[in-house]
N, C-alpha and C. Protein backbone atom coordinates (compact mmCIF):
# COMPACT_ATOMS: atom_id res chain seq x y z
N MET A 1 -67.18 -12.34 47.24
CA MET A 1 -67.31 -10.95 46.77
C MET A 1 -66.01 -10.53 46.00
N ALA A 2 -66.14 -9.64 45.06
CA ALA A 2 -64.99 -9.19 44.30
C ALA A 2 -64.70 -7.75 44.65
N GLY A 3 -63.47 -7.43 44.56
CA GLY A 3 -63.05 -6.10 44.74
C GLY A 3 -63.14 -5.29 43.48
N VAL A 4 -63.13 -3.99 43.57
CA VAL A 4 -63.21 -3.15 42.36
C VAL A 4 -62.15 -3.47 41.32
N GLY A 5 -60.96 -3.77 41.80
CA GLY A 5 -59.93 -3.87 40.83
C GLY A 5 -59.60 -5.20 40.36
N ARG A 6 -60.35 -6.25 40.80
CA ARG A 6 -60.02 -7.65 40.54
C ARG A 6 -60.82 -8.17 39.36
N GLY A 7 -60.17 -8.25 38.20
CA GLY A 7 -60.84 -8.81 36.99
C GLY A 7 -61.75 -7.92 36.22
N HIS A 8 -61.96 -6.75 36.77
CA HIS A 8 -62.87 -5.78 36.06
C HIS A 8 -62.22 -4.43 36.10
N ASP A 9 -61.04 -4.29 35.59
CA ASP A 9 -60.29 -2.96 35.61
C ASP A 9 -60.38 -2.36 34.26
N GLY A 10 -61.05 -2.94 33.24
CA GLY A 10 -61.18 -2.42 31.95
C GLY A 10 -59.97 -2.53 31.04
N ALA A 11 -58.87 -3.10 31.56
CA ALA A 11 -57.59 -3.14 30.73
C ALA A 11 -57.88 -4.04 29.57
N GLY A 12 -57.44 -3.53 28.40
CA GLY A 12 -57.54 -4.33 27.17
C GLY A 12 -58.89 -4.16 26.58
N GLY A 13 -60.02 -4.39 27.28
CA GLY A 13 -61.31 -4.27 26.78
C GLY A 13 -61.66 -5.38 25.77
N LEU A 14 -62.90 -5.48 25.44
CA LEU A 14 -63.36 -6.44 24.35
C LEU A 14 -63.62 -5.72 23.13
N ALA A 15 -63.71 -6.34 22.05
CA ALA A 15 -64.19 -5.71 20.79
C ALA A 15 -65.65 -5.25 21.10
N VAL A 16 -66.04 -4.17 20.41
CA VAL A 16 -67.35 -3.61 20.63
C VAL A 16 -68.45 -4.67 20.45
N SER A 17 -68.27 -5.52 19.48
CA SER A 17 -69.29 -6.62 19.28
C SER A 17 -69.38 -7.49 20.46
N ALA A 18 -68.26 -7.80 21.10
CA ALA A 18 -68.29 -8.65 22.25
C ALA A 18 -68.87 -7.89 23.41
N LEU A 19 -68.61 -6.62 23.58
CA LEU A 19 -69.14 -5.83 24.59
C LEU A 19 -70.62 -5.74 24.47
N LEU A 20 -71.16 -5.59 23.20
CA LEU A 20 -72.52 -5.62 23.01
C LEU A 20 -73.16 -6.98 23.41
N ASP A 21 -72.48 -8.08 23.15
CA ASP A 21 -73.02 -9.36 23.55
C ASP A 21 -73.03 -9.51 25.04
N ASP A 22 -72.07 -8.88 25.70
CA ASP A 22 -72.16 -8.92 27.17
C ASP A 22 -73.33 -8.08 27.65
N ALA A 23 -73.57 -6.97 27.03
CA ALA A 23 -74.70 -6.14 27.50
C ALA A 23 -76.01 -6.89 27.26
N ARG A 24 -76.18 -7.62 26.17
CA ARG A 24 -77.42 -8.43 26.03
C ARG A 24 -77.42 -9.51 27.12
N ARG A 25 -76.39 -10.23 27.46
CA ARG A 25 -76.34 -11.22 28.46
C ARG A 25 -76.77 -10.62 29.79
N VAL A 26 -76.19 -9.43 30.12
CA VAL A 26 -76.48 -8.75 31.38
C VAL A 26 -77.95 -8.44 31.48
N VAL A 27 -78.54 -7.79 30.36
CA VAL A 27 -79.93 -7.40 30.46
C VAL A 27 -80.74 -8.61 30.56
N GLU A 28 -80.49 -9.72 29.81
CA GLU A 28 -81.33 -10.94 29.88
C GLU A 28 -81.30 -11.54 31.29
N GLY A 29 -80.21 -11.32 32.06
CA GLY A 29 -80.04 -11.84 33.38
C GLY A 29 -80.73 -11.01 34.48
N VAL A 30 -81.24 -9.95 34.17
CA VAL A 30 -81.99 -9.13 35.13
C VAL A 30 -83.22 -9.73 35.47
N ASP A 31 -83.55 -9.93 36.76
CA ASP A 31 -84.81 -10.57 37.17
C ASP A 31 -86.01 -9.93 36.65
N PRO A 32 -86.76 -10.52 35.78
CA PRO A 32 -87.94 -9.97 35.23
C PRO A 32 -89.09 -9.68 36.24
N ASP A 33 -89.03 -10.39 37.39
CA ASP A 33 -90.03 -10.20 38.40
C ASP A 33 -89.60 -9.30 39.59
N GLY A 34 -88.37 -8.78 39.41
CA GLY A 34 -87.87 -7.99 40.48
C GLY A 34 -87.46 -6.62 40.04
N PRO A 35 -86.11 -6.29 39.99
CA PRO A 35 -85.60 -5.03 39.76
C PRO A 35 -85.93 -4.39 38.43
N GLY A 36 -86.12 -5.29 37.39
CA GLY A 36 -86.47 -4.86 35.99
C GLY A 36 -87.57 -5.60 35.55
N PRO A 37 -88.78 -5.04 35.40
CA PRO A 37 -89.87 -5.83 34.93
C PRO A 37 -89.69 -6.33 33.46
N ALA A 38 -90.43 -7.30 33.13
CA ALA A 38 -90.18 -7.99 31.80
C ALA A 38 -90.34 -7.07 30.66
N GLU A 39 -91.18 -6.12 30.76
CA GLU A 39 -91.42 -5.15 29.67
C GLU A 39 -90.22 -4.27 29.48
N MET A 40 -89.64 -3.87 30.55
CA MET A 40 -88.42 -3.06 30.46
C MET A 40 -87.23 -3.82 29.84
N ARG A 41 -87.07 -5.04 30.29
CA ARG A 41 -86.01 -5.84 29.78
C ARG A 41 -86.20 -6.13 28.26
N ALA A 42 -87.43 -6.40 27.90
CA ALA A 42 -87.74 -6.68 26.42
C ALA A 42 -87.45 -5.43 25.62
N ALA A 43 -87.86 -4.25 26.18
CA ALA A 43 -87.59 -2.97 25.43
C ALA A 43 -86.17 -2.73 25.19
N VAL A 44 -85.34 -2.93 26.22
CA VAL A 44 -83.92 -2.63 26.19
C VAL A 44 -83.29 -3.58 25.15
N LEU A 45 -83.62 -4.90 25.25
CA LEU A 45 -83.10 -5.91 24.32
C LEU A 45 -83.43 -5.54 22.95
N ALA A 46 -84.65 -5.12 22.71
CA ALA A 46 -85.13 -4.75 21.35
C ALA A 46 -84.27 -3.57 20.80
N TYR A 47 -84.03 -2.63 21.69
CA TYR A 47 -83.24 -1.44 21.30
C TYR A 47 -81.74 -1.81 20.94
N LEU A 48 -81.21 -2.73 21.69
CA LEU A 48 -79.85 -3.16 21.48
C LEU A 48 -79.84 -3.92 20.20
N ASP A 49 -80.77 -4.74 19.89
CA ASP A 49 -80.91 -5.45 18.67
C ASP A 49 -81.04 -4.62 17.43
N ALA A 50 -81.78 -3.52 17.57
CA ALA A 50 -82.12 -2.71 16.51
C ALA A 50 -81.00 -1.78 16.12
N HIS A 51 -80.15 -1.36 17.13
CA HIS A 51 -79.16 -0.40 16.89
C HIS A 51 -77.70 -0.85 17.11
N GLY A 52 -77.56 -2.07 17.62
CA GLY A 52 -76.33 -2.72 17.69
C GLY A 52 -75.22 -2.04 18.34
N GLU A 53 -74.05 -1.95 17.69
CA GLU A 53 -72.83 -1.38 18.32
C GLU A 53 -72.95 0.09 18.51
N ALA A 54 -73.88 0.80 17.87
CA ALA A 54 -73.97 2.24 18.09
C ALA A 54 -74.63 2.61 19.45
N THR A 55 -75.11 1.57 20.20
CA THR A 55 -75.58 1.81 21.55
C THR A 55 -74.44 1.93 22.56
N ILE A 56 -73.28 1.55 22.14
CA ILE A 56 -72.06 1.61 23.00
C ILE A 56 -71.37 2.96 22.69
N GLY A 57 -71.19 3.76 23.74
CA GLY A 57 -70.59 5.10 23.49
C GLY A 57 -71.62 6.13 23.45
N ARG A 58 -71.36 7.13 22.62
CA ARG A 58 -72.25 8.30 22.72
C ARG A 58 -72.72 8.72 21.33
N GLU A 59 -72.72 7.83 20.35
CA GLU A 59 -73.13 8.10 18.99
C GLU A 59 -74.61 8.36 18.86
N LEU A 60 -75.42 7.66 19.61
CA LEU A 60 -76.89 7.86 19.50
C LEU A 60 -77.40 8.76 20.72
N PRO A 61 -78.49 9.46 20.49
CA PRO A 61 -79.10 10.22 21.59
C PRO A 61 -79.55 9.32 22.70
N GLU A 62 -79.84 8.08 22.49
CA GLU A 62 -80.26 7.09 23.48
C GLU A 62 -79.19 6.01 23.47
N HIS A 63 -78.58 5.69 24.54
CA HIS A 63 -77.46 4.71 24.62
C HIS A 63 -77.30 4.12 25.91
N LEU A 64 -76.53 3.03 26.02
CA LEU A 64 -76.32 2.25 27.17
C LEU A 64 -75.44 2.98 28.27
N THR A 65 -75.75 2.96 29.48
CA THR A 65 -75.02 3.39 30.60
C THR A 65 -74.91 2.34 31.71
N ALA A 66 -73.95 2.53 32.59
CA ALA A 66 -73.77 1.66 33.66
C ALA A 66 -73.59 2.41 34.96
N SER A 67 -74.27 1.96 36.06
CA SER A 67 -74.26 2.69 37.28
C SER A 67 -73.74 1.73 38.46
N ALA A 68 -73.28 2.36 39.49
CA ALA A 68 -72.90 1.63 40.70
C ALA A 68 -73.76 2.19 41.90
N PHE A 69 -74.68 1.46 42.39
CA PHE A 69 -75.40 1.82 43.64
C PHE A 69 -74.46 1.48 44.80
N VAL A 70 -73.99 2.53 45.42
CA VAL A 70 -72.99 2.34 46.51
C VAL A 70 -73.73 2.36 47.86
N LEU A 71 -73.73 1.22 48.58
CA LEU A 71 -74.42 1.11 49.83
C LEU A 71 -73.32 0.79 50.91
N ASP A 72 -73.60 1.18 52.10
CA ASP A 72 -72.75 0.70 53.26
C ASP A 72 -73.20 -0.74 53.60
N PRO A 73 -72.36 -1.46 54.40
CA PRO A 73 -72.60 -2.83 54.68
C PRO A 73 -74.04 -3.09 55.39
N SER A 74 -74.52 -2.01 56.10
CA SER A 74 -75.80 -2.11 56.75
C SER A 74 -76.97 -1.86 55.86
N LEU A 75 -76.65 -1.35 54.62
CA LEU A 75 -77.65 -1.08 53.57
C LEU A 75 -78.58 0.12 54.00
N THR A 76 -78.05 0.98 54.85
CA THR A 76 -78.87 2.11 55.33
C THR A 76 -78.35 3.44 54.81
N ARG A 77 -77.20 3.40 54.22
CA ARG A 77 -76.60 4.70 53.62
C ARG A 77 -76.12 4.43 52.20
N THR A 78 -76.15 5.53 51.41
CA THR A 78 -75.75 5.46 50.01
C THR A 78 -74.87 6.62 49.70
N LEU A 79 -73.92 6.43 48.80
CA LEU A 79 -72.92 7.39 48.34
C LEU A 79 -73.45 7.94 47.03
N LEU A 80 -73.66 9.32 47.00
CA LEU A 80 -74.23 10.03 45.88
C LEU A 80 -73.34 11.15 45.43
N CYS A 81 -73.44 11.46 44.21
CA CYS A 81 -72.68 12.65 43.58
C CYS A 81 -73.64 13.73 43.23
N PHE A 82 -73.31 14.93 43.43
CA PHE A 82 -74.17 16.06 42.97
C PHE A 82 -73.74 16.41 41.51
N HIS A 83 -74.49 15.95 40.55
CA HIS A 83 -74.09 16.04 39.12
C HIS A 83 -74.15 17.57 38.69
N ARG A 84 -73.09 17.99 38.07
CA ARG A 84 -72.93 19.36 37.71
C ARG A 84 -73.92 19.74 36.60
N LYS A 85 -74.12 18.84 35.56
CA LYS A 85 -75.07 19.17 34.51
C LYS A 85 -76.51 18.94 34.95
N GLY A 86 -76.76 17.91 35.65
CA GLY A 86 -78.09 17.59 36.03
C GLY A 86 -78.68 18.36 37.16
N GLN A 87 -77.73 18.92 38.01
CA GLN A 87 -78.11 19.63 39.22
C GLN A 87 -78.95 18.77 40.14
N PHE A 88 -78.47 17.52 40.33
CA PHE A 88 -79.20 16.65 41.32
C PHE A 88 -78.18 15.66 41.83
N TRP A 89 -78.57 15.03 43.01
CA TRP A 89 -77.79 14.01 43.58
C TRP A 89 -78.16 12.69 42.91
N VAL A 90 -77.10 11.89 42.58
CA VAL A 90 -77.44 10.64 41.79
C VAL A 90 -76.29 9.72 42.06
N GLN A 91 -76.53 8.38 41.74
CA GLN A 91 -75.54 7.36 41.99
C GLN A 91 -74.42 7.59 40.90
N PRO A 92 -73.20 7.05 41.28
CA PRO A 92 -72.14 7.19 40.19
C PRO A 92 -72.50 6.34 38.98
N GLY A 93 -72.15 6.87 37.82
CA GLY A 93 -72.46 6.02 36.62
C GLY A 93 -72.15 6.86 35.35
N GLY A 94 -72.27 6.26 34.21
CA GLY A 94 -72.07 6.96 33.01
C GLY A 94 -72.01 6.02 31.81
N HIS A 95 -71.47 6.50 30.67
CA HIS A 95 -71.52 5.76 29.46
C HIS A 95 -70.60 4.54 29.48
N VAL A 96 -71.08 3.53 28.81
CA VAL A 96 -70.31 2.35 28.54
C VAL A 96 -69.38 2.65 27.38
N ASP A 97 -68.03 2.65 27.59
CA ASP A 97 -67.12 3.03 26.51
C ASP A 97 -66.59 1.75 25.84
N PRO A 98 -66.15 1.89 24.51
CA PRO A 98 -65.71 0.71 23.77
C PRO A 98 -64.59 -0.01 24.37
N ASP A 99 -63.70 0.65 25.16
CA ASP A 99 -62.54 -0.07 25.73
C ASP A 99 -62.76 -0.61 27.14
N ASP A 100 -64.08 -0.55 27.56
CA ASP A 100 -64.39 -1.27 28.88
C ASP A 100 -64.37 -2.75 28.75
N ALA A 101 -63.95 -3.51 29.73
CA ALA A 101 -63.84 -4.93 29.59
C ALA A 101 -65.23 -5.54 29.47
N ASP A 102 -66.20 -5.02 30.15
CA ASP A 102 -67.65 -5.45 30.11
C ASP A 102 -68.47 -4.42 30.79
N VAL A 103 -69.81 -4.63 30.91
CA VAL A 103 -70.68 -3.65 31.46
C VAL A 103 -70.39 -3.36 32.95
N LEU A 104 -70.04 -4.37 33.70
CA LEU A 104 -69.71 -4.24 35.08
C LEU A 104 -68.35 -3.36 35.18
N ALA A 105 -67.44 -3.65 34.32
CA ALA A 105 -66.27 -2.83 34.38
C ALA A 105 -66.52 -1.43 34.11
N ALA A 106 -67.49 -1.08 33.31
CA ALA A 106 -67.82 0.37 33.06
C ALA A 106 -68.37 0.94 34.32
N ALA A 107 -69.23 0.28 35.03
CA ALA A 107 -69.83 0.77 36.29
C ALA A 107 -68.65 0.96 37.36
N LEU A 108 -67.79 0.03 37.42
CA LEU A 108 -66.69 0.23 38.41
C LEU A 108 -65.72 1.31 38.01
N ARG A 109 -65.50 1.49 36.70
CA ARG A 109 -64.65 2.60 36.29
C ARG A 109 -65.28 3.96 36.62
N GLU A 110 -66.59 4.09 36.35
CA GLU A 110 -67.35 5.22 36.72
C GLU A 110 -67.24 5.53 38.17
N LEU A 111 -67.39 4.46 38.98
CA LEU A 111 -67.30 4.61 40.43
C LEU A 111 -65.92 5.14 40.87
N ARG A 112 -64.87 4.65 40.30
CA ARG A 112 -63.49 5.16 40.65
C ARG A 112 -63.36 6.62 40.24
N GLU A 113 -63.79 6.90 38.99
CA GLU A 113 -63.57 8.28 38.46
C GLU A 113 -64.42 9.25 39.24
N GLU A 114 -65.65 8.92 39.62
CA GLU A 114 -66.57 9.94 40.15
C GLU A 114 -66.52 10.03 41.72
N THR A 115 -65.96 9.02 42.37
CA THR A 115 -65.97 9.03 43.83
C THR A 115 -64.58 8.74 44.41
N GLY A 116 -63.68 8.13 43.69
CA GLY A 116 -62.35 7.83 44.18
C GLY A 116 -62.37 6.47 44.93
N VAL A 117 -63.54 5.87 44.96
CA VAL A 117 -63.58 4.51 45.69
C VAL A 117 -62.91 3.44 44.74
N THR A 118 -61.96 2.75 45.39
CA THR A 118 -61.22 1.70 44.67
C THR A 118 -61.34 0.34 45.32
N ASP A 119 -61.87 0.27 46.53
CA ASP A 119 -61.86 -0.98 47.29
C ASP A 119 -63.20 -1.44 47.70
N ALA A 120 -64.24 -1.11 46.95
CA ALA A 120 -65.59 -1.51 47.20
C ALA A 120 -65.75 -3.05 46.87
N GLU A 121 -66.67 -3.64 47.52
CA GLU A 121 -66.98 -5.11 47.33
C GLU A 121 -68.24 -5.22 46.37
N VAL A 122 -68.14 -6.20 45.50
CA VAL A 122 -69.30 -6.43 44.53
C VAL A 122 -70.02 -7.72 45.06
N PRO A 123 -71.12 -7.60 45.67
CA PRO A 123 -71.80 -8.78 46.19
C PRO A 123 -72.13 -9.84 45.14
N SER A 124 -72.42 -9.30 43.98
CA SER A 124 -72.81 -10.20 42.82
C SER A 124 -72.41 -9.55 41.53
N ALA A 125 -71.98 -10.33 40.53
CA ALA A 125 -71.64 -9.76 39.24
C ALA A 125 -72.91 -9.60 38.38
N ARG A 126 -74.03 -10.04 38.91
CA ARG A 126 -75.32 -9.84 38.17
C ARG A 126 -75.78 -8.35 38.40
N ALA A 127 -76.40 -7.84 37.36
CA ALA A 127 -77.01 -6.54 37.51
C ALA A 127 -78.24 -6.58 38.47
N ALA A 128 -78.34 -5.52 39.30
CA ALA A 128 -79.48 -5.45 40.25
C ALA A 128 -80.63 -4.65 39.80
N ASP A 129 -80.41 -3.91 38.69
CA ASP A 129 -81.47 -2.92 38.32
C ASP A 129 -81.34 -2.55 36.78
N LEU A 130 -82.46 -2.17 36.21
CA LEU A 130 -82.49 -1.86 34.87
C LEU A 130 -83.43 -0.63 34.74
N ASP A 131 -83.11 0.39 34.10
CA ASP A 131 -83.87 1.69 34.08
C ASP A 131 -83.68 2.39 32.70
N ARG A 132 -84.73 2.93 32.20
CA ARG A 132 -84.68 3.87 31.03
C ARG A 132 -85.26 5.20 31.51
N HIS A 133 -84.41 6.25 31.33
CA HIS A 133 -84.82 7.56 31.83
C HIS A 133 -84.31 8.65 30.85
N ALA A 134 -85.16 9.70 30.79
CA ALA A 134 -84.96 10.84 29.93
C ALA A 134 -83.99 11.78 30.67
N LEU A 135 -83.24 12.63 29.85
CA LEU A 135 -82.28 13.58 30.44
C LEU A 135 -82.74 14.97 30.08
N GLY A 136 -82.28 15.92 30.86
CA GLY A 136 -82.63 17.35 30.67
C GLY A 136 -81.84 18.01 29.56
N ASP A 137 -82.09 19.30 29.29
CA ASP A 137 -81.39 20.03 28.16
C ASP A 137 -79.87 20.17 28.52
N GLY A 138 -79.54 20.09 29.82
CA GLY A 138 -78.11 20.24 30.23
C GLY A 138 -77.19 19.18 29.68
N PHE A 139 -77.73 18.04 29.22
CA PHE A 139 -77.00 16.99 28.81
C PHE A 139 -76.70 16.95 27.26
N GLY A 140 -77.03 18.07 26.54
CA GLY A 140 -76.73 18.21 25.17
C GLY A 140 -77.52 17.27 24.32
N ARG A 141 -76.88 16.53 23.38
CA ARG A 141 -77.56 15.64 22.46
C ARG A 141 -77.87 14.31 23.13
N CYS A 142 -77.39 13.95 24.30
CA CYS A 142 -77.81 12.78 25.10
C CYS A 142 -79.25 13.02 25.60
N ALA A 143 -80.16 12.27 25.14
CA ALA A 143 -81.56 12.39 25.39
C ALA A 143 -82.16 11.32 26.37
N TRP A 144 -81.65 10.08 26.25
CA TRP A 144 -82.12 8.89 27.06
C TRP A 144 -81.02 8.10 27.37
N HIS A 145 -81.07 7.49 28.63
CA HIS A 145 -80.16 6.54 29.06
C HIS A 145 -80.83 5.27 29.33
N LEU A 146 -80.19 4.06 28.79
CA LEU A 146 -80.64 2.76 29.17
C LEU A 146 -79.66 2.27 30.23
N ASP A 147 -79.97 2.39 31.40
CA ASP A 147 -79.05 2.23 32.56
C ASP A 147 -79.13 0.84 33.21
N VAL A 148 -77.98 0.21 33.26
CA VAL A 148 -77.75 -1.07 33.99
C VAL A 148 -77.13 -0.72 35.28
N GLY A 149 -77.77 -1.19 36.38
CA GLY A 149 -77.37 -0.76 37.73
C GLY A 149 -76.76 -2.00 38.48
N TYR A 150 -75.53 -1.91 38.99
CA TYR A 150 -74.93 -2.89 39.90
C TYR A 150 -74.88 -2.25 41.34
N VAL A 151 -74.70 -3.22 42.23
CA VAL A 151 -74.57 -2.79 43.70
C VAL A 151 -73.14 -3.07 44.14
N VAL A 152 -72.60 -2.06 44.78
CA VAL A 152 -71.30 -2.31 45.53
C VAL A 152 -71.45 -1.81 46.90
N LEU A 153 -70.61 -2.46 47.81
CA LEU A 153 -70.64 -2.05 49.24
C LEU A 153 -69.25 -1.36 49.55
N ALA A 154 -69.38 -0.26 50.28
CA ALA A 154 -68.20 0.48 50.63
C ALA A 154 -68.28 1.01 52.12
N ASP A 155 -67.18 1.35 52.57
CA ASP A 155 -67.12 1.82 53.97
C ASP A 155 -67.23 3.37 54.02
N PRO A 156 -68.22 3.89 54.62
CA PRO A 156 -68.42 5.38 54.71
C PRO A 156 -67.29 6.11 55.35
N ALA A 157 -66.48 5.35 56.10
CA ALA A 157 -65.33 6.05 56.82
C ALA A 157 -64.22 6.38 55.86
N ARG A 158 -64.16 5.64 54.65
CA ARG A 158 -63.09 5.93 53.72
C ARG A 158 -63.29 7.31 52.99
N ALA A 159 -62.17 7.88 52.63
CA ALA A 159 -62.21 9.20 51.99
C ALA A 159 -62.79 9.07 50.58
N VAL A 160 -63.56 10.10 50.09
CA VAL A 160 -64.06 10.04 48.83
C VAL A 160 -63.66 11.34 48.15
N ALA A 161 -63.62 11.34 46.81
CA ALA A 161 -63.20 12.50 46.02
C ALA A 161 -63.84 12.45 44.67
N GLY A 162 -64.57 13.54 44.32
CA GLY A 162 -65.22 13.64 43.07
C GLY A 162 -64.29 14.10 41.90
N ASN A 163 -64.95 14.21 40.61
CA ASN A 163 -64.25 14.67 39.53
C ASN A 163 -64.93 15.95 39.01
N ASP A 164 -64.59 16.39 37.78
CA ASP A 164 -65.18 17.65 37.35
C ASP A 164 -66.68 17.44 36.82
N GLU A 165 -67.20 16.20 36.94
CA GLU A 165 -68.61 16.03 36.49
C GLU A 165 -69.56 16.21 37.70
N SER A 166 -68.98 16.47 38.91
CA SER A 166 -69.81 16.62 40.10
C SER A 166 -69.20 17.77 40.88
N THR A 167 -70.07 18.43 41.72
CA THR A 167 -69.60 19.46 42.59
C THR A 167 -69.45 18.98 44.03
N ASP A 168 -69.99 17.77 44.33
CA ASP A 168 -69.92 17.20 45.70
C ASP A 168 -70.04 15.73 45.68
N VAL A 169 -69.58 14.98 46.67
CA VAL A 169 -69.79 13.59 46.84
C VAL A 169 -70.02 13.40 48.28
N ALA A 170 -71.12 12.69 48.64
CA ALA A 170 -71.52 12.58 50.02
C ALA A 170 -72.32 11.37 50.30
N TRP A 171 -72.27 10.85 51.51
CA TRP A 171 -73.12 9.77 52.01
C TRP A 171 -74.46 10.27 52.53
N TRP A 172 -75.52 9.59 52.19
CA TRP A 172 -76.87 10.01 52.62
C TRP A 172 -77.66 8.77 53.17
N PRO A 173 -78.51 8.99 54.16
CA PRO A 173 -79.34 7.89 54.61
C PRO A 173 -80.29 7.43 53.48
N VAL A 174 -80.48 6.16 53.26
CA VAL A 174 -81.29 5.74 52.19
C VAL A 174 -82.77 6.20 52.45
N ASP A 175 -83.18 6.24 53.67
CA ASP A 175 -84.50 6.75 54.00
C ASP A 175 -84.66 8.21 54.21
N ALA A 176 -83.66 8.97 53.88
CA ALA A 176 -83.72 10.46 54.07
C ALA A 176 -82.83 11.11 52.95
N LEU A 177 -83.19 10.78 51.66
CA LEU A 177 -82.42 11.32 50.61
C LEU A 177 -82.68 12.88 50.45
N PRO A 178 -81.71 13.59 49.80
CA PRO A 178 -81.97 14.97 49.59
C PRO A 178 -83.09 15.21 48.65
N ASP A 179 -83.63 16.47 48.65
CA ASP A 179 -84.69 16.76 47.78
C ASP A 179 -84.31 16.71 46.28
N GLU A 180 -83.09 17.06 45.95
CA GLU A 180 -82.59 17.18 44.58
C GLU A 180 -82.15 15.78 44.03
N VAL A 181 -83.10 14.90 43.79
CA VAL A 181 -82.70 13.62 43.26
C VAL A 181 -83.62 13.35 42.03
N PRO A 182 -83.10 12.49 41.04
CA PRO A 182 -83.98 12.21 39.92
C PRO A 182 -85.10 11.40 40.31
N PRO A 183 -86.21 11.46 39.55
CA PRO A 183 -87.38 10.70 39.84
C PRO A 183 -87.07 9.17 39.92
N GLY A 184 -87.61 8.45 40.89
CA GLY A 184 -87.32 7.10 41.00
C GLY A 184 -86.12 6.60 41.62
N LEU A 185 -85.23 7.53 42.09
CA LEU A 185 -84.01 7.10 42.66
C LEU A 185 -84.20 6.27 43.99
N GLY A 186 -85.16 6.72 44.76
CA GLY A 186 -85.48 6.01 45.96
C GLY A 186 -85.87 4.58 45.76
N ASP A 187 -86.67 4.38 44.67
CA ASP A 187 -87.19 3.03 44.31
C ASP A 187 -86.02 2.17 43.86
N ARG A 188 -85.13 2.81 43.05
CA ARG A 188 -83.95 2.06 42.57
C ARG A 188 -83.00 1.64 43.73
N LEU A 189 -82.80 2.49 44.71
CA LEU A 189 -82.02 2.20 45.83
C LEU A 189 -82.61 1.06 46.76
N ALA A 190 -83.98 1.19 46.78
CA ALA A 190 -84.68 0.14 47.60
C ALA A 190 -84.54 -1.29 46.83
N ARG A 191 -84.55 -1.28 45.55
CA ARG A 191 -84.30 -2.53 44.77
C ARG A 191 -82.87 -2.98 44.96
N ALA A 192 -81.93 -2.11 45.00
CA ALA A 192 -80.55 -2.42 45.15
C ALA A 192 -80.32 -3.12 46.49
N ALA A 193 -80.96 -2.52 47.58
CA ALA A 193 -80.78 -3.05 48.93
C ALA A 193 -81.45 -4.42 48.95
N ALA A 194 -82.59 -4.63 48.37
CA ALA A 194 -83.33 -5.88 48.41
C ALA A 194 -82.47 -6.95 47.66
N PHE A 195 -81.79 -6.49 46.57
CA PHE A 195 -80.95 -7.43 45.88
C PHE A 195 -79.92 -7.92 46.69
N VAL A 196 -79.21 -7.09 47.51
CA VAL A 196 -78.13 -7.50 48.38
C VAL A 196 -78.67 -8.47 49.42
N ARG A 197 -79.78 -8.14 50.00
CA ARG A 197 -80.37 -9.10 51.01
C ARG A 197 -80.66 -10.44 50.40
N ALA A 198 -81.09 -10.45 49.12
CA ALA A 198 -81.36 -11.79 48.52
C ALA A 198 -80.06 -12.51 48.24
N VAL A 199 -79.01 -11.84 47.89
CA VAL A 199 -77.78 -12.44 47.62
C VAL A 199 -77.17 -13.02 48.93
N ARG A 200 -77.32 -12.28 50.03
CA ARG A 200 -76.78 -12.73 51.31
C ARG A 200 -77.60 -13.98 51.82
N SER A 201 -78.88 -14.06 51.45
CA SER A 201 -79.65 -15.25 51.92
C SER A 201 -79.42 -16.41 50.98
N SER A 202 -78.89 -16.15 49.83
CA SER A 202 -78.60 -17.23 48.78
C SER A 202 -77.25 -16.97 48.20
N PRO A 203 -76.16 -17.27 48.90
CA PRO A 203 -74.79 -16.83 48.45
C PRO A 203 -74.42 -17.31 47.06
N GLY A 204 -75.03 -18.29 46.53
CA GLY A 204 -74.65 -18.79 45.13
C GLY A 204 -75.37 -18.03 44.13
N ARG A 205 -76.20 -17.04 44.47
CA ARG A 205 -77.07 -16.37 43.52
C ARG A 205 -76.21 -15.46 42.65
């Protein structure tokens, strides 16, 4: 397992073209029979190929994002942020920036910025989830996110602290999420937990 700060701190970053190559590799590595169906994976790859480096950052209304699904070691609790613009509870995450080292680094940076968590464990460097979702009017010109989700494990006893993008950060039972969550979040968290169980049963995965 890797810590948040080891090898993925975003320092230096890759050229945007190399970051785009990493995004393609990550999306291709998502299990087509599990967390991201083959059709979703193919659609995201086609969009990356069609729009290239413009999918990195905020230039296009539809662009790449990276999320961190934060679970406790028992996989029964999850850390969520109450998003100021969206007015819902959601996993930490956001845009992949040109100076991120790779897509995983973007997810870990968002985790640090939005929750203050710096010592989470990464069970696998592979992405656990892939999702395309629409955004509400409160997000301005951002209309769609192509979101790559990673799983991290953290201790609920550790202090958390949000930033100006959220009004609260709190742990919730995975099987008793608040009412104000985006559609499909429960399913994404279930896939994240299943991913960790698979990694634990096959450590080399």
